[in-house]
Each structure stands twice: as C-alpha cells, then as structure tokens.
Amino acid sequence: PRLYANSVKGRFTISRDNAKNTVYLQMNSLKPEDTSVYY
C-alpha cells in the first residue's frame, strides 16, 4: 500500500521500481509551502 501526508494527498505520488532499485516521488501542482529539502 501507499500512505501520504494530508498536505500532499492528491498532488504527490510515490512509486518504486525494484528492478531499477529506484524510488520516485512525482510532485504535481507544487506550492510555495512545498519548498524543502526532500529525503
């Protein structure tokens, strides 16, 4: 399953590709309050 913070629900999508050993965060409709270092 996937879980999201309420502040990003409906705008961000987390996904993973285990074959590529990579995780993604698709961020749409970005807002100034999204400004951060992402870890």
PDB file of all heavy atoms in Angstrom:
ATOM      1  N   PRO A   1       0.814  -1.215   0.000  1.00  0.00           N
ATOM      2  CA  PRO A   1       0.000   0.000   0.000  1.00  0.00           C
ATOM      3  C   PRO A   1       0.849   1.268   0.000  1.00  0.00           C
ATOM      4  O   PRO A   1       2.075   1.198   0.081  1.00  0.00           O
ATOM      5  CB  PRO A   1      -0.818  -0.121   1.283  1.00  0.00           C
ATOM      6  CG  PRO A   1       0.102  -0.863   2.211  1.00  0.00           C
ATOM      7  CD  PRO A   1       0.818  -1.866   1.331  1.00  0.00           C
ATOM      8  N   ARG A   2       0.176   2.398  -0.078  1.00  0.00           N
ATOM      9  CA  ARG A   2       0.839   3.692  -0.039  1.00  0.00           C
ATOM     10  C   ARG A   2       0.117   4.598   0.936  1.00  0.00           C
ATOM     11  O   ARG A   2      -1.103   4.542   1.071  1.00  0.00           O
ATOM     12  CB  ARG A   2       0.858   4.343  -1.427  1.00  0.00           C
ATOM     13  CG  ARG A   2       1.655   3.569  -2.464  1.00  0.00           C
ATOM     14  CD  ARG A   2       1.743   4.352  -3.760  1.00  0.00           C
ATOM     15  NE  ARG A   2       0.447   4.418  -4.427  1.00  0.00           N
ATOM     16  CZ  ARG A   2       0.179   3.855  -5.595  1.00  0.00           C
ATOM     17  NH1 ARG A   2       1.109   3.175  -6.235  1.00  0.00           N
ATOM     18  NH2 ARG A   2      -1.033   3.986  -6.132  1.00  0.00           N
ATOM     19  N   LEU A   3       0.868   5.425   1.609  1.00  0.00           N
ATOM     20  CA  LEU A   3       0.332   6.424   2.514  1.00  0.00           C
ATOM     21  C   LEU A   3       0.905   7.784   2.160  1.00  0.00           C
ATOM     22  O   LEU A   3       2.055   7.887   1.743  1.00  0.00           O
ATOM     23  CB  LEU A   3       0.672   6.102   3.968  1.00  0.00           C
ATOM     24  CG  LEU A   3      -0.021   4.913   4.629  1.00  0.00           C
ATOM     25  CD1 LEU A   3       0.572   4.689   6.016  1.00  0.00           C
ATOM     26  CD2 LEU A   3      -1.515   5.143   4.727  1.00  0.00           C
ATOM     27  N   TYR A   4       0.097   8.825   2.370  1.00  0.00           N
ATOM     28  CA  TYR A   4       0.524  10.180   2.070  1.00  0.00           C
ATOM     29  C   TYR A   4       0.154  11.106   3.213  1.00  0.00           C
ATOM     30  O   TYR A   4      -0.864  10.907   3.885  1.00  0.00           O
ATOM     31  CB  TYR A   4      -0.144  10.706   0.799  1.00  0.00           C
ATOM     32  CG  TYR A   4       0.208   9.950  -0.447  1.00  0.00           C
ATOM     33  CD1 TYR A   4      -0.579   8.904  -0.888  1.00  0.00           C
ATOM     34  CD2 TYR A   4       1.338  10.286  -1.185  1.00  0.00           C
ATOM     35  CE1 TYR A   4      -0.258   8.200  -2.034  1.00  0.00           C
ATOM     36  CE2 TYR A   4       1.665   9.589  -2.335  1.00  0.00           C
ATOM     37  CZ  TYR A   4       0.863   8.552  -2.753  1.00  0.00           C
ATOM     38  OH  TYR A   4       1.190   7.864  -3.898  1.00  0.00           O
ATOM     39  N   ALA A   5       0.973  12.116   3.410  1.00  0.00           N
ATOM     40  CA  ALA A   5       0.590  13.190   4.293  1.00  0.00           C
ATOM     41  C   ALA A   5      -0.605  13.924   3.702  1.00  0.00           C
ATOM     42  O   ALA A   5      -0.731  14.059   2.480  1.00  0.00           O
ATOM     43  CB  ALA A   5       1.747  14.161   4.497  1.00  0.00           C
ATOM     44  N   ASN A   6      -1.488  14.406   4.564  1.00  0.00           N
ATOM     45  CA  ASN A   6      -2.667  15.119   4.076  1.00  0.00           C
ATOM     46  C   ASN A   6      -2.298  16.335   3.228  1.00  0.00           C
ATOM     47  O   ASN A   6      -3.024  16.685   2.296  1.00  0.00           O
ATOM     48  CB  ASN A   6      -3.541  15.553   5.248  1.00  0.00           C
ATOM     49  CG  ASN A   6      -4.247  14.387   5.905  1.00  0.00           C
ATOM     50  OD1 ASN A   6      -4.492  13.358   5.285  1.00  0.00           O
ATOM     51  ND2 ASN A   6      -4.583  14.550   7.182  1.00  0.00           N
ATOM     52  N   SER A   7      -1.173  16.949   3.522  1.00  0.00           N
ATOM     53  CA  SER A   7      -0.763  18.148   2.814  1.00  0.00           C
ATOM     54  C   SER A   7      -0.394  17.891   1.361  1.00  0.00           C
ATOM     55  O   SER A   7      -0.368  18.831   0.560  1.00  0.00           O
ATOM     56  CB  SER A   7       0.408  18.816   3.535  1.00  0.00           C
ATOM     57  OG  SER A   7       1.507  17.934   3.633  1.00  0.00           O
ATOM     58  N   VAL A   8      -0.092  16.637   1.007  1.00  0.00           N
ATOM     59  CA  VAL A   8       0.321  16.324  -0.358  1.00  0.00           C
ATOM     60  C   VAL A   8      -0.622  15.357  -1.052  1.00  0.00           C
ATOM     61  O   VAL A   8      -0.466  15.106  -2.257  1.00  0.00           O
ATOM     62  CB  VAL A   8       1.756  15.763  -0.405  1.00  0.00           C
ATOM     63  CG1 VAL A   8       2.721  16.704   0.299  1.00  0.00           C
ATOM     64  CG2 VAL A   8       1.823  14.365   0.202  1.00  0.00           C
ATOM     65  N   LYS A   9      -1.588  14.821  -0.339  1.00  0.00           N
ATOM     66  CA  LYS A   9      -2.504  13.840  -0.906  1.00  0.00           C
ATOM     67  C   LYS A   9      -3.243  14.437  -2.105  1.00  0.00           C
ATOM     68  O   LYS A   9      -3.768  15.544  -2.032  1.00  0.00           O
ATOM     69  CB  LYS A   9      -3.485  13.376   0.161  1.00  0.00           C
ATOM     70  CG  LYS A   9      -4.279  12.137  -0.200  1.00  0.00           C
ATOM     71  CD  LYS A   9      -5.123  11.665   0.987  1.00  0.00           C
ATOM     72  CE  LYS A   9      -4.255  11.297   2.179  1.00  0.00           C
ATOM     73  NZ  LYS A   9      -5.067  10.816   3.333  1.00  0.00           N
ATOM     74  N   GLY A  10      -3.264  13.691  -3.193  1.00  0.00           N
ATOM     75  CA  GLY A  10      -3.891  14.152  -4.414  1.00  0.00           C
ATOM     76  C   GLY A  10      -2.969  14.921  -5.330  1.00  0.00           C
ATOM     77  O   GLY A  10      -3.329  15.164  -6.493  1.00  0.00           O
ATOM     78  N   ARG A  11      -1.804  15.311  -4.846  1.00  0.00           N
ATOM     79  CA  ARG A  11      -0.832  16.039  -5.658  1.00  0.00           C
ATOM     80  C   ARG A  11       0.447  15.242  -5.895  1.00  0.00           C
ATOM     81  O   ARG A  11       1.045  15.339  -6.961  1.00  0.00           O
ATOM     82  CB  ARG A  11      -0.466  17.367  -4.993  1.00  0.00           C
ATOM     83  CG  ARG A  11      -1.645  18.314  -4.814  1.00  0.00           C
ATOM     84  CD  ARG A  11      -1.183  19.689  -4.337  1.00  0.00           C
ATOM     85  NE  ARG A  11      -0.540  19.621  -3.026  1.00  0.00           N
ATOM     86  CZ  ARG A  11       0.714  20.007  -2.784  1.00  0.00           C
ATOM     87  NH1 ARG A  11       1.467  20.485  -3.766  1.00  0.00           N
ATOM     88  NH2 ARG A  11       1.206  19.931  -1.556  1.00  0.00           N
ATOM     89  N   PHE A  12       0.871  14.483  -4.901  1.00  0.00           N
ATOM     90  CA  PHE A  12       2.110  13.718  -4.986  1.00  0.00           C
ATOM     91  C   PHE A  12       1.801  12.233  -5.146  1.00  0.00           C
ATOM     92  O   PHE A  12       0.800  11.735  -4.620  1.00  0.00           O
ATOM     93  CB  PHE A  12       2.954  13.895  -3.720  1.00  0.00           C
ATOM     94  CG  PHE A  12       3.556  15.255  -3.524  1.00  0.00           C
ATOM     95  CD1 PHE A  12       3.201  16.338  -4.317  1.00  0.00           C
ATOM     96  CD2 PHE A  12       4.499  15.448  -2.528  1.00  0.00           C
ATOM     97  CE1 PHE A  12       3.756  17.591  -4.126  1.00  0.00           C
ATOM     98  CE2 PHE A  12       5.064  16.696  -2.321  1.00  0.00           C
ATOM     99  CZ  PHE A  12       4.691  17.760  -3.122  1.00  0.00           C
ATOM    100  N   THR A  13       2.689  11.527  -5.835  1.00  0.00           N
ATOM    101  CA  THR A  13       2.572  10.087  -5.993  1.00  0.00           C
ATOM    102  C   THR A  13       3.925   9.440  -5.743  1.00  0.00           C
ATOM    103  O   THR A  13       4.916   9.797  -6.380  1.00  0.00           O
ATOM    104  CB  THR A  13       2.088   9.705  -7.397  1.00  0.00           C
ATOM    105  OG1 THR A  13       0.828  10.325  -7.664  1.00  0.00           O
ATOM    106  CG2 THR A  13       1.928   8.194  -7.509  1.00  0.00           C
ATOM    107  N   ILE A  14       3.957   8.491  -4.812  1.00  0.00           N
ATOM    108  CA  ILE A  14       5.166   7.723  -4.571  1.00  0.00           C
ATOM    109  C   ILE A  14       5.076   6.415  -5.352  1.00  0.00           C
ATOM    110  O   ILE A  14       4.010   5.807  -5.439  1.00  0.00           O
ATOM    111  CB  ILE A  14       5.385   7.458  -3.068  1.00  0.00           C
ATOM    112  CG1 ILE A  14       6.743   6.792  -2.826  1.00  0.00           C
ATOM    113  CG2 ILE A  14       4.255   6.634  -2.474  1.00  0.00           C
ATOM    114  CD1 ILE A  14       7.122   6.695  -1.347  1.00  0.00           C
ATOM    115  N   SER A  15       6.176   6.002  -5.930  1.00  0.00           N
ATOM    116  CA  SER A  15       6.223   4.742  -6.661  1.00  0.00           C
ATOM    117  C   SER A  15       7.615   4.140  -6.527  1.00  0.00           C
ATOM    118  O   SER A  15       8.554   4.806  -6.086  1.00  0.00           O
ATOM    119  CB  SER A  15       5.851   4.935  -8.130  1.00  0.00           C
ATOM    120  OG  SER A  15       6.757   5.804  -8.773  1.00  0.00           O
ATOM    121  N   ARG A  16       7.723   2.878  -6.904  1.00  0.00           N
ATOM    122  CA  ARG A  16       9.024   2.223  -6.831  1.00  0.00           C
ATOM    123  C   ARG A  16       9.189   1.273  -7.996  1.00  0.00           C
ATOM    124  O   ARG A  16       8.226   0.694  -8.500  1.00  0.00           O
ATOM    125  CB  ARG A  16       9.190   1.487  -5.499  1.00  0.00           C
ATOM    126  CG  ARG A  16       8.217   0.338  -5.277  1.00  0.00           C
ATOM    127  CD  ARG A  16       8.254  -0.140  -3.829  1.00  0.00           C
ATOM    128  NE  ARG A  16       9.552  -0.684  -3.461  1.00  0.00           N
ATOM    129  CZ  ARG A  16       9.989  -0.815  -2.216  1.00  0.00           C
ATOM    130  NH1 ARG A  16       9.221  -0.420  -1.196  1.00  0.00           N
ATOM    131  NH2 ARG A  16      11.188  -1.326  -1.976  1.00  0.00           N
ATOM    132  N   ASP A  17      10.428   1.121  -8.416  1.00  0.00           N
ATOM    133  CA  ASP A  17      10.800   0.167  -9.438  1.00  0.00           C
ATOM    134  C   ASP A  17      11.926  -0.664  -8.847  1.00  0.00           C
ATOM    135  O   ASP A  17      13.092  -0.259  -8.875  1.00  0.00           O
ATOM    136  CB  ASP A  17      11.234   0.869 -10.718  1.00  0.00           C
ATOM    137  CG  ASP A  17      11.456  -0.089 -11.868  1.00  0.00           C
ATOM    138  OD1 ASP A  17      11.728  -1.283 -11.623  1.00  0.00           O
ATOM    139  OD2 ASP A  17      11.358   0.346 -13.030  1.00  0.00           O
ATOM    140  N   ASN A  18      11.569  -1.803  -8.289  1.00  0.00           N
ATOM    141  CA  ASN A  18      12.568  -2.623  -7.607  1.00  0.00           C
ATOM    142  C   ASN A  18      13.640  -3.136  -8.564  1.00  0.00           C
ATOM    143  O   ASN A  18      14.791  -3.316  -8.171  1.00  0.00           O
ATOM    144  CB  ASN A  18      11.890  -3.791  -6.891  1.00  0.00           C
ATOM    145  CG  ASN A  18      11.092  -3.352  -5.684  1.00  0.00           C
ATOM    146  OD1 ASN A  18      11.269  -2.245  -5.172  1.00  0.00           O
ATOM    147  ND2 ASN A  18      10.200  -4.222  -5.215  1.00  0.00           N
ATOM    148  N   ALA A  19      13.271  -3.374  -9.819  1.00  0.00           N
ATOM    149  CA  ALA A  19      14.247  -3.832 -10.806  1.00  0.00           C
ATOM    150  C   ALA A  19      15.321  -2.782 -11.054  1.00  0.00           C
ATOM    151  O   ALA A  19      16.474  -3.115 -11.322  1.00  0.00           O
ATOM    152  CB  ALA A  19      13.554  -4.203 -12.109  1.00  0.00           C
ATOM    153  N   LYS A  20      14.939  -1.506 -10.981  1.00  0.00           N
ATOM    154  CA  LYS A  20      15.888  -0.409 -11.143  1.00  0.00           C
ATOM    155  C   LYS A  20      16.474   0.058  -9.824  1.00  0.00           C
ATOM    156  O   LYS A  20      17.315   0.962  -9.811  1.00  0.00           O
ATOM    157  CB  LYS A  20      15.220   0.767 -11.853  1.00  0.00           C
ATOM    158  CG  LYS A  20      14.808   0.484 -13.281  1.00  0.00           C
ATOM    159  CD  LYS A  20      14.207   1.719 -13.924  1.00  0.00           C
ATOM    160  CE  LYS A  20      13.837   1.466 -15.368  1.00  0.00           C
ATOM    161  NZ  LYS A  20      13.249   2.664 -16.012  1.00  0.00           N
ATOM    162  N   ASN A  21      16.001  -0.526  -8.732  1.00  0.00           N
ATOM    163  CA  ASN A  21      16.466  -0.151  -7.400  1.00  0.00           C
ATOM    164  C   ASN A  21      16.280   1.346  -7.152  1.00  0.00           C
ATOM    165  O   ASN A  21      17.150   2.027  -6.603  1.00  0.00           O
ATOM    166  CB  ASN A  21      17.939  -0.541  -7.199  1.00  0.00           C
ATOM    167  CG  ASN A  21      18.182  -1.235  -5.876  1.00  0.00           C
ATOM    168  OD1 ASN A  21      17.297  -1.873  -5.315  1.00  0.00           O
ATOM    169  ND2 ASN A  21      19.400  -1.123  -5.364  1.00  0.00           N
ATOM    170  N   THR A  22      15.112   1.835  -7.542  1.00  0.00           N
ATOM    171  CA  THR A  22      14.835   3.258  -7.506  1.00  0.00           C
ATOM    172  C   THR A  22      13.429   3.518  -6.996  1.00  0.00           C
ATOM    173  O   THR A  22      12.499   2.777  -7.305  1.00  0.00           O
ATOM    174  CB  THR A  22      14.996   3.885  -8.900  1.00  0.00           C
ATOM    175  OG1 THR A  22      16.328   3.643  -9.374  1.00  0.00           O
ATOM    176  CG2 THR A  22      14.762   5.383  -8.859  1.00  0.00           C
ATOM    177  N   VAL A  23      13.290   4.572  -6.215  1.00  0.00           N
ATOM    178  CA  VAL A  23      12.007   5.058  -5.719  1.00  0.00           C
ATOM    179  C   VAL A  23      11.796   6.460  -6.266  1.00  0.00           C
ATOM    180  O   VAL A  23      12.754   7.232  -6.397  1.00  0.00           O
ATOM    181  CB  VAL A  23      11.975   5.054  -4.183  1.00  0.00           C
ATOM    182  CG1 VAL A  23      10.623   5.529  -3.671  1.00  0.00           C
ATOM    183  CG2 VAL A  23      12.285   3.671  -3.648  1.00  0.00           C
ATOM    184  N   TYR A  24      10.546   6.793  -6.562  1.00  0.00           N
ATOM    185  CA  TYR A  24      10.223   8.073  -7.159  1.00  0.00           C
ATOM    186  C   TYR A  24       9.192   8.820  -6.328  1.00  0.00           C
ATOM    187  O   TYR A  24       8.388   8.231  -5.617  1.00  0.00           O
ATOM    188  CB  TYR A  24       9.660   7.892  -8.571  1.00  0.00           C
ATOM    189  CG  TYR A  24      10.552   7.105  -9.492  1.00  0.00           C
ATOM    190  CD1 TYR A  24      10.358   5.742  -9.674  1.00  0.00           C
ATOM    191  CD2 TYR A  24      11.592   7.722 -10.170  1.00  0.00           C
ATOM    192  CE1 TYR A  24      11.177   5.013 -10.516  1.00  0.00           C
ATOM    193  CE2 TYR A  24      12.413   6.998 -11.016  1.00  0.00           C
ATOM    194  CZ  TYR A  24      12.202   5.644 -11.189  1.00  0.00           C
ATOM    195  OH  TYR A  24      13.016   4.935 -12.028  1.00  0.00           O
ATOM    196  N   LEU A  25       9.218  10.120  -6.450  1.00  0.00           N
ATOM    197  CA  LEU A  25       8.166  10.964  -5.913  1.00  0.00           C
ATOM    198  C   LEU A  25       7.764  11.947  -7.003  1.00  0.00           C
ATOM    199  O   LEU A  25       8.509  12.884  -7.309  1.00  0.00           O
ATOM    200  CB  LEU A  25       8.624  11.710  -4.663  1.00  0.00           C
ATOM    201  CG  LEU A  25       7.544  12.532  -3.968  1.00  0.00           C
ATOM    202  CD1 LEU A  25       6.491  11.621  -3.341  1.00  0.00           C
ATOM    203  CD2 LEU A  25       8.144  13.450  -2.903  1.00  0.00           C
ATOM    204  N   GLN A  26       6.610  11.704  -7.603  1.00  0.00           N
ATOM    205  CA  GLN A  26       6.064  12.614  -8.596  1.00  0.00           C
ATOM    206  C   GLN A  26       5.299  13.708  -7.867  1.00  0.00           C
ATOM    207  O   GLN A  26       4.363  13.419  -7.120  1.00  0.00           O
ATOM    208  CB  GLN A  26       5.144  11.878  -9.557  1.00  0.00           C
ATOM    209  CG  GLN A  26       4.488  12.759 -10.607  1.00  0.00           C
ATOM    210  CD  GLN A  26       5.483  13.334 -11.585  1.00  0.00           C
ATOM    211  OE1 GLN A  26       6.327  12.614 -12.093  1.00  0.00           O
ATOM    212  NE2 GLN A  26       5.389  14.634 -11.844  1.00  0.00           N
ATOM    213  N   MET A  27       5.684  14.942  -8.083  1.00  0.00           N
ATOM    214  CA  MET A  27       5.091  16.077  -7.390  1.00  0.00           C
ATOM    215  C   MET A  27       4.424  16.983  -8.415  1.00  0.00           C
ATOM    216  O   MET A  27       5.096  17.565  -9.262  1.00  0.00           O
ATOM    217  CB  MET A  27       6.147  16.848  -6.599  1.00  0.00           C
ATOM    218  CG  MET A  27       6.923  15.990  -5.613  1.00  0.00           C
ATOM    219  SD  MET A  27       8.066  16.955  -4.593  1.00  0.00           S
ATOM    220  CE  MET A  27       9.195  17.534  -5.863  1.00  0.00           C
ATOM    221  N   ASN A  28       3.115  17.088  -8.338  1.00  0.00           N
ATOM    222  CA  ASN A  28       2.338  17.934  -9.227  1.00  0.00           C
ATOM    223  C   ASN A  28       1.708  19.077  -8.446  1.00  0.00           C
ATOM    224  O   ASN A  28       1.579  19.021  -7.230  1.00  0.00           O
ATOM    225  CB  ASN A  28       1.245  17.119  -9.923  1.00  0.00           C
ATOM    226  CG  ASN A  28       1.787  16.011 -10.786  1.00  0.00           C
ATOM    227  OD1 ASN A  28       2.853  16.138 -11.381  1.00  0.00           O
ATOM    228  ND2 ASN A  28       1.044  14.910 -10.867  1.00  0.00           N
ATOM    229  N   SER A  29       1.299  20.101  -9.166  1.00  0.00           N
ATOM    230  CA  SER A  29       0.635  21.256  -8.555  1.00  0.00           C
ATOM    231  C   SER A  29       1.423  21.793  -7.369  1.00  0.00           C
ATOM    232  O   SER A  29       0.871  22.036  -6.292  1.00  0.00           O
ATOM    233  CB  SER A  29      -0.792  20.883  -8.139  1.00  0.00           C
ATOM    234  OG  SER A  29      -1.548  20.427  -9.240  1.00  0.00           O
ATOM    235  N   LEU A  30       2.690  21.982  -7.575  1.00  0.00           N
ATOM    236  CA  LEU A  30       3.563  22.394  -6.482  1.00  0.00           C
ATOM    237  C   LEU A  30       3.183  23.770  -5.952  1.00  0.00           C
ATOM    238  O   LEU A  30       2.781  24.653  -6.705  1.00  0.00           O
ATOM    239  CB  LEU A  30       5.013  22.386  -6.940  1.00  0.00           C
ATOM    240  CG  LEU A  30       5.648  21.001  -7.007  1.00  0.00           C
ATOM    241  CD1 LEU A  30       6.913  21.021  -7.850  1.00  0.00           C
ATOM    242  CD2 LEU A  30       5.963  20.495  -5.597  1.00  0.00           C
ATOM    243  N   LYS A  31       3.328  23.913  -4.647  1.00  0.00           N
ATOM    244  CA  LYS A  31       3.015  25.142  -3.944  1.00  0.00           C
ATOM    245  C   LYS A  31       4.265  25.672  -3.247  1.00  0.00           C
ATOM    246  O   LYS A  31       5.161  24.902  -2.926  1.00  0.00           O
ATOM    247  CB  LYS A  31       1.924  24.895  -2.894  1.00  0.00           C
ATOM    248  CG  LYS A  31       0.645  24.287  -3.437  1.00  0.00           C
ATOM    249  CD  LYS A  31      -0.314  23.954  -2.306  1.00  0.00           C
ATOM    250  CE  LYS A  31      -1.593  23.337  -2.832  1.00  0.00           C
ATOM    251  NZ  LYS A  31      -2.525  22.993  -1.722  1.00  0.00           N
ATOM    252  N   PRO A  32       4.332  26.976  -2.988  1.00  0.00           N
ATOM    253  CA  PRO A  32       5.498  27.506  -2.268  1.00  0.00           C
ATOM    254  C   PRO A  32       5.756  26.796  -0.946  1.00  0.00           C
ATOM    255  O   PRO A  32       6.918  26.636  -0.562  1.00  0.00           O
ATOM    256  CB  PRO A  32       5.136  28.979  -2.063  1.00  0.00           C
ATOM    257  CG  PRO A  32       4.259  29.300  -3.221  1.00  0.00           C
ATOM    258  CD  PRO A  32       3.439  28.049  -3.453  1.00  0.00           C
ATOM    259  N   GLU A  33       4.714  26.368  -0.260  1.00  0.00           N
ATOM    260  CA  GLU A  33       4.893  25.680   1.006  1.00  0.00           C
ATOM    261  C   GLU A  33       5.497  24.286   0.861  1.00  0.00           C
ATOM    262  O   GLU A  33       5.835  23.654   1.863  1.00  0.00           O
ATOM    263  CB  GLU A  33       3.573  25.597   1.785  1.00  0.00           C
ATOM    264  CG  GLU A  33       2.419  25.033   0.985  1.00  0.00           C
ATOM    265  CD  GLU A  33       1.525  26.123   0.405  1.00  0.00           C
ATOM    266  OE1 GLU A  33       2.061  27.117  -0.118  1.00  0.00           O
ATOM    267  OE2 GLU A  33       0.287  25.969   0.486  1.00  0.00           O
ATOM    268  N   ASP A  34       5.636  23.790  -0.372  1.00  0.00           N
ATOM    269  CA  ASP A  34       6.337  22.535  -0.613  1.00  0.00           C
ATOM    270  C   ASP A  34       7.851  22.711  -0.606  1.00  0.00           C
ATOM    271  O   ASP A  34       8.576  21.716  -0.670  1.00  0.00           O
ATOM    272  CB  ASP A  34       5.916  21.923  -1.944  1.00  0.00           C
ATOM    273  CG  ASP A  34       4.454  21.498  -1.964  1.00  0.00           C
ATOM    274  OD1 ASP A  34       3.983  20.942  -0.958  1.00  0.00           O
ATOM    275  OD2 ASP A  34       3.797  21.722  -2.999  1.00  0.00           O
ATOM    276  N   THR A  35       8.321  23.941  -0.556  1.00  0.00           N
ATOM    277  CA  THR A  35       9.753  24.207  -0.563  1.00  0.00           C
ATOM    278  C   THR A  35      10.411  23.550   0.650  1.00  0.00           C
ATOM    279  O   THR A  35      10.059  23.843   1.792  1.00  0.00           O
ATOM    280  CB  THR A  35      10.021  25.711  -0.560  1.00  0.00           C
ATOM    281  OG1 THR A  35       9.526  26.280  -1.773  1.00  0.00           O
ATOM    282  CG2 THR A  35      11.504  26.007  -0.441  1.00  0.00           C
ATOM    283  N   SER A  36      11.356  22.665   0.386  1.00  0.00           N
ATOM    284  CA  SER A  36      12.021  21.896   1.435  1.00  0.00           C
ATOM    285  C   SER A  36      13.177  21.134   0.820  1.00  0.00           C
ATOM    286  O   SER A  36      13.280  21.015  -0.399  1.00  0.00           O
ATOM    287  CB  SER A  36      11.071  20.872   2.080  1.00  0.00           C
ATOM    288  OG  SER A  36      10.145  21.463   2.958  1.00  0.00           O
ATOM    289  N   VAL A  37      14.011  20.591   1.673  1.00  0.00           N
ATOM    290  CA  VAL A  37      14.912  19.531   1.272  1.00  0.00           C
ATOM    291  C   VAL A  37      14.146  18.224   1.417  1.00  0.00           C
ATOM    292  O   VAL A  37      13.564  17.955   2.467  1.00  0.00           O
ATOM    293  CB  VAL A  37      16.196  19.501   2.124  1.00  0.00           C
ATOM    294  CG1 VAL A  37      17.069  18.318   1.735  1.00  0.00           C
ATOM    295  CG2 VAL A  37      16.960  20.809   1.960  1.00  0.00           C
ATOM    296  N   TYR A  38      14.147  17.429   0.365  1.00  0.00           N
ATOM    297  CA  TYR A  38      13.418  16.176   0.356  1.00  0.00           C
ATOM    298  C   TYR A  38      14.382  15.020   0.540  1.00  0.00           C
ATOM    299  O   TYR A  38      15.402  14.925  -0.149  1.00  0.00           O
ATOM    300  CB  TYR A  38      12.640  16.012  -0.954  1.00  0.00           C
ATOM    301  CG  TYR A  38      11.383  16.843  -0.979  1.00  0.00           C
ATOM    302  CD1 TYR A  38      11.446  18.225  -1.118  1.00  0.00           C
ATOM    303  CD2 TYR A  38      10.128  16.249  -0.843  1.00  0.00           C
ATOM    304  CE1 TYR A  38      10.292  18.995  -1.113  1.00  0.00           C
ATOM    305  CE2 TYR A  38       8.975  17.020  -0.846  1.00  0.00           C
ATOM    306  CZ  TYR A  38       9.060  18.388  -0.983  1.00  0.00           C
ATOM    307  OH  TYR A  38       7.916  19.146  -0.985  1.00  0.00           O
ATOM    308  N   TYR A  39      14.033  14.123   1.457  1.00  0.00           N
ATOM    309  CA  TYR A  39      14.878  12.993   1.815  1.00  0.00           C
ATOM    310  C   TYR A  39      14.191  11.674   1.501  1.00  0.00           C
ATOM    311  O   TYR A  39      13.012  11.498   1.801  1.00  0.00           O
ATOM    312  CB  TYR A  39      15.204  13.013   3.307  1.00  0.00           C
ATOM    313  CG  TYR A  39      16.002  14.204   3.756  1.00  0.00           C
ATOM    314  CD1 TYR A  39      15.374  15.359   4.214  1.00  0.00           C
ATOM    315  CD2 TYR A  39      17.396  14.174   3.733  1.00  0.00           C
ATOM    316  CE1 TYR A  39      16.103  16.454   4.629  1.00  0.00           C
ATOM    317  CE2 TYR A  39      18.130  15.266   4.151  1.00  0.00           C
ATOM    318  CZ  TYR A  39      17.475  16.403   4.598  1.00  0.00           C
ATOM    319  OH  TYR A  39      18.209  17.484   5.017  1.00  0.00           O
TER     320      TYR A  39
END
